[in-house]
């Protein structure tokens, strides 16, 4: 792990299963509402394109290693 200045990263994460295989489905989005879709658990919902609080995770990193709570989660079985 390197020790450099902290930087902020943003991940899109499904609020249902925690998977990082999630994001905006442009074909289903309308105006300022984005359709957010998880590829692992198939959860989807409209979210305000300027906020998306339930789907966005921001964290400050020091070095290159992700904290445990930001590492991708496997899909629910």
Protein backbone atom coordinates (compact mmCIF):
# COMPACT_ATOMS: atom_id res chain seq x y z
CA UNK A 1 0.00 0.00 0.00
CA UNK A 2 1.38 3.38 -0.94
CA UNK A 3 1.00 6.44 1.22
CA UNK A 4 0.12 9.41 -0.90
CA UNK A 5 -2.27 12.29 -0.50
CA UNK A 6 -5.89 11.28 0.08
CA UNK A 7 -8.25 11.31 -2.86
CA UNK A 8 -12.01 10.79 -3.13
CA UNK A 9 -13.51 8.01 -5.20
CA UNK A 10 -17.14 7.37 -6.12
CA UNK A 11 -18.64 3.95 -6.64
CA UNK A 12 -22.13 3.11 -7.79
CA UNK A 13 -23.46 0.39 -5.55
CA UNK A 14 -26.82 -1.37 -5.38
CA UNK A 15 -28.63 -0.43 -2.14
CA UNK A 16 -30.25 -3.89 -2.06
CA UNK A 17 -27.34 -6.31 -2.43
CA UNK A 18 -24.23 -4.08 -2.28
CA UNK A 19 -22.96 -5.13 -5.71
CA UNK A 20 -20.85 -2.66 -7.67
CA UNK A 21 -22.21 -4.13 -10.93
CA UNK A 22 -24.80 -1.37 -11.02
CA UNK A 23 -25.34 1.86 -12.88
CA UNK A 24 -27.59 4.04 -14.99
CA UNK A 25 -29.68 2.43 -17.72
CA UNK A 26 -29.87 5.36 -20.17
CA UNK A 27 -32.59 3.72 -22.28
CA UNK A 28 -35.00 3.68 -19.32
CA UNK A 29 -34.08 7.10 -17.88
CA UNK A 30 -36.33 10.15 -18.33
CA UNK A 31 -35.58 13.87 -17.83
CA UNK A 32 -33.78 14.23 -14.47
CA UNK A 33 -34.72 10.72 -13.32
CA UNK A 34 -32.14 8.01 -13.97
CA UNK A 35 -33.17 4.37 -13.99
CA UNK A 36 -30.58 2.69 -11.77
CA UNK A 37 -30.13 -1.03 -12.39
CA UNK A 38 -28.15 -3.76 -10.63
CA UNK A 39 -26.84 -6.52 -12.88
CA UNK A 40 -26.43 -8.97 -9.99
CA UNK A 41 -29.76 -8.93 -8.12
CA UNK A 42 -31.83 -7.23 -10.87
CA UNK A 43 -33.00 -4.47 -8.49
CA UNK A 44 -33.90 -1.29 -10.34
CA UNK A 45 -35.56 2.03 -9.55
CA UNK A 46 -35.79 5.64 -10.64
CA UNK A 47 -33.47 8.02 -8.83
CA UNK A 48 -32.91 11.76 -9.12
CA UNK A 49 -29.97 12.12 -11.48
CA UNK A 50 -28.43 14.90 -9.35
CA UNK A 51 -28.61 13.04 -6.05
CA UNK A 52 -28.85 9.21 -6.22
CA UNK A 53 -27.83 9.03 -2.55
CA UNK A 54 -28.84 5.38 -2.14
CA UNK A 55 -26.75 4.32 -5.13
CA UNK A 56 -23.60 6.45 -4.77
CA UNK A 57 -20.83 5.73 -2.29
CA UNK A 58 -18.05 8.26 -1.81
CA UNK A 59 -14.94 7.58 0.22
CA UNK A 60 -11.60 9.22 0.83
CA UNK A 61 -8.70 6.90 0.07
CA UNK A 62 -5.11 7.13 1.14
CA UNK A 63 -2.98 5.13 -1.22
CA UNK A 64 -4.43 2.58 -3.62
CA UNK A 65 -6.20 0.06 -1.39
CA UNK A 66 -9.99 0.05 -1.05
CA UNK A 67 -11.39 -0.18 2.48
CA UNK A 68 -13.35 -3.41 3.14
CA UNK A 69 -16.72 -1.63 3.07
CA UNK A 70 -16.09 -0.45 -0.52
CA UNK A 71 -14.90 -3.74 -1.97
CA UNK A 72 -17.35 -5.37 -4.40
CA UNK A 73 -19.83 -7.75 -2.85
CA UNK A 74 -20.91 -10.97 -4.51
CA UNK A 75 -24.55 -11.20 -5.56
CA UNK A 76 -27.06 -12.74 -3.20
CA UNK A 77 -27.83 -16.35 -3.94
